[in-house]
């Protein structure tokens, strides 16, 4: 005789693991807010690369670490994604994520989901899994001439 609960699944009371994402453009390496949350809202991280596996890692560190990069604001204060504009980080990461030529008014990007290893306070991104795309440029629009200008 079949149970009346056949086919049911128990509702888990643990929060789902956040989806951590790194997006690279010509001018920034950006991490979504979930990455900052998963790492515990660290003020500083160091960015590591693995040439052999073509991976990028972000590891929590202190501000006195020689390669510390400013990362997140404290919990509740970080309202948007985390952007790293450090030129050396851009060069190191873009080596694994080449960007296509973008048409006027658009920005090429590569985006890759990662995994968090909470015990080591690390987010790991396998660049082979990256997805390339184009998005509209953000920011101020260039002033255009009035339509009836002579």
Protein backbone atom coordinates (compact mmCIF):
# COMPACT_ATOMS: atom_id res chain seq x y z
CA UNK A 1 0.00 0.00 0.00
CA UNK A 2 1.45 3.37 -1.02
CA UNK A 3 1.96 6.13 1.52
CA UNK A 4 -0.15 9.28 1.22
CA UNK A 5 3.20 11.15 1.23
CA UNK A 6 4.55 9.38 -1.85
CA UNK A 7 6.06 11.96 -4.23
CA UNK A 8 6.42 14.66 -1.57
CA UNK A 9 9.75 16.30 -0.76
CA UNK A 10 10.64 17.82 2.57
CA UNK A 11 10.98 21.63 2.57
CA UNK A 12 14.54 22.51 3.53
CA UNK A 13 14.94 25.14 6.22
CA UNK A 14 18.51 25.99 5.24
CA UNK A 15 19.01 29.00 2.99
CA UNK A 16 20.03 28.23 -0.57
CA UNK A 17 23.68 28.72 -1.42
CA UNK A 18 24.07 32.14 -3.03
CA UNK A 19 25.01 32.29 -6.72
CA UNK A 20 28.43 33.93 -6.94
CA UNK A 21 29.31 35.56 -10.25
CA UNK A 22 32.33 37.37 -11.67
CA UNK A 23 31.86 39.63 -14.71
CA UNK A 24 34.81 41.07 -16.60
CA UNK A 25 34.76 44.05 -18.96
CA UNK A 26 37.52 46.16 -20.44
CA UNK A 27 37.60 48.42 -17.38
CA UNK A 28 36.40 46.39 -14.39
CA UNK A 29 36.28 43.01 -12.69
CA UNK A 30 32.90 42.90 -10.98
CA UNK A 31 31.56 40.47 -8.38
CA UNK A 32 27.87 40.26 -7.59
CA UNK A 33 26.63 41.13 -4.11
CA UNK A 34 26.11 37.42 -3.32
CA UNK A 35 29.88 36.93 -3.63
CA UNK A 36 30.52 39.53 -0.93
CA UNK A 37 27.84 37.94 1.26
CA UNK A 38 29.15 34.39 0.77
CA UNK A 39 32.66 35.52 1.77
CA UNK A 40 31.36 37.32 4.87
CA UNK A 41 31.46 40.92 3.57
CA UNK A 42 35.28 41.20 3.60
CA UNK A 43 36.81 44.66 3.39
CA UNK A 44 39.84 43.22 1.57
CA UNK A 45 40.60 40.25 -0.65
CA UNK A 46 43.49 39.08 -2.72
CA UNK A 47 42.96 37.89 -6.26
CA UNK A 48 44.80 34.72 -7.29
CA UNK A 49 45.15 33.06 -10.70
CA UNK A 50 45.97 29.49 -11.66
CA UNK A 51 47.64 29.48 -15.08
CA UNK A 52 47.48 25.72 -15.50
CA UNK A 53 43.75 25.42 -14.73
CA UNK A 54 42.82 28.91 -15.99
CA UNK A 55 41.02 29.71 -12.77
CA UNK A 56 40.58 32.89 -10.76
CA UNK A 57 40.15 32.89 -7.00
CA UNK A 58 39.22 35.61 -4.55
CA UNK A 59 40.42 35.01 -0.99
CA UNK A 60 39.61 37.06 2.09
CA UNK A 61 42.66 38.78 3.59
CA UNK A 62 43.57 41.64 5.87
CA UNK A 63 44.35 45.17 4.75
CA UNK A 64 48.04 44.62 5.61
CA UNK A 65 48.41 41.82 3.05
CA UNK A 66 50.84 43.12 0.38
CA UNK A 67 48.37 42.28 -2.42
CA UNK A 68 45.17 43.30 -0.63
CA UNK A 69 42.49 44.81 -2.86
CA UNK A 70 39.58 46.80 -1.42
CA UNK A 71 36.43 44.69 -1.75
CA UNK A 72 33.19 44.98 0.19
CA UNK A 73 31.50 47.37 2.55
CA UNK A 74 30.08 45.87 5.77
CA UNK A 75 26.83 43.88 5.67
CA UNK A 76 23.88 46.18 5.08
CA UNK A 77 26.09 48.89 3.56
CA UNK A 78 27.01 47.04 0.32
CA UNK A 79 24.04 47.96 -1.87
CA UNK A 80 25.41 46.91 -5.26
CA UNK A 81 27.98 44.63 -6.84
CA UNK A 82 31.67 44.94 -5.96
CA UNK A 83 33.88 46.53 -8.62
CA UNK A 84 37.65 46.15 -8.80
CA UNK A 85 39.38 48.62 -11.12
CA UNK A 86 42.96 47.73 -10.13
CA UNK A 87 44.96 47.58 -13.43
CA UNK A 88 47.08 44.57 -12.41
CA UNK A 89 43.97 42.57 -11.50
CA UNK A 90 42.34 43.49 -14.82
CA UNK A 91 45.38 42.35 -16.82
CA UNK A 92 45.69 39.08 -14.88
CA UNK A 93 42.00 38.16 -15.20
CA UNK A 94 41.49 39.33 -18.80
CA UNK A 95 44.28 36.96 -19.85
CA UNK A 96 41.79 34.10 -19.32
CA UNK A 97 38.71 35.97 -20.50
CA UNK A 98 39.47 37.71 -23.81
CA UNK A 99 36.87 40.28 -24.80
CA UNK A 100 35.33 40.68 -28.23
CA UNK A 101 35.36 44.01 -30.05
CA UNK A 102 32.22 45.89 -28.98
CA UNK A 103 30.17 48.00 -31.38
CA UNK A 104 29.63 51.71 -30.58
CA UNK A 105 27.48 52.17 -27.48
CA UNK A 106 28.01 48.63 -26.18
CA UNK A 107 30.43 46.89 -23.82
CA UNK A 108 31.80 43.37 -24.28
CA UNK A 109 31.85 41.18 -21.19
CA UNK A 110 32.57 37.68 -19.99
CA UNK A 111 30.66 36.32 -17.01
CA UNK A 112 31.32 33.17 -15.01
CA UNK A 113 29.62 31.60 -12.00
CA UNK A 114 31.82 30.39 -9.18
CA UNK A 115 31.82 28.22 -6.11
CA UNK A 116 32.48 29.28 -2.54
CA UNK A 117 34.73 27.33 -0.21
CA UNK A 118 33.65 28.88 3.09
CA UNK A 119 36.21 26.94 5.15
CA UNK A 120 39.02 28.71 3.26
CA UNK A 121 37.09 31.96 2.66
CA UNK A 122 37.59 31.60 -1.09
CA UNK A 123 35.41 32.07 -4.17
CA UNK A 124 36.72 30.07 -7.13
CA UNK A 125 35.89 30.81 -10.79
CA UNK A 126 36.67 28.39 -13.63
CA UNK A 127 37.11 30.63 -16.69
CA UNK A 128 36.43 27.76 -19.11
CA UNK A 129 32.78 28.03 -18.02
CA UNK A 130 32.52 31.75 -18.90
CA UNK A 131 29.79 33.12 -21.13
CA UNK A 132 30.55 36.06 -23.42
CA UNK A 133 28.09 38.79 -24.28
CA UNK A 134 27.42 42.44 -25.05
CA UNK A 135 25.52 44.98 -22.98
CA UNK A 136 24.53 48.59 -23.49
CA UNK A 137 26.96 51.13 -22.08
CA UNK A 138 25.89 52.55 -18.75
CA UNK A 139 26.51 56.01 -17.45
CA UNK A 140 25.96 59.43 -18.89
CA UNK A 141 24.86 59.72 -22.48
CA UNK A 142 26.97 61.85 -24.77
CA UNK A 143 25.31 65.16 -25.62
CA UNK A 144 23.90 65.11 -29.10
CA UNK A 145 23.26 68.07 -31.35
CA UNK A 146 19.67 69.35 -31.42
CA UNK A 147 17.66 67.89 -34.29
CA UNK A 148 17.06 71.29 -35.92
CA UNK A 149 20.60 72.61 -35.54
CA UNK A 150 22.13 74.21 -38.62
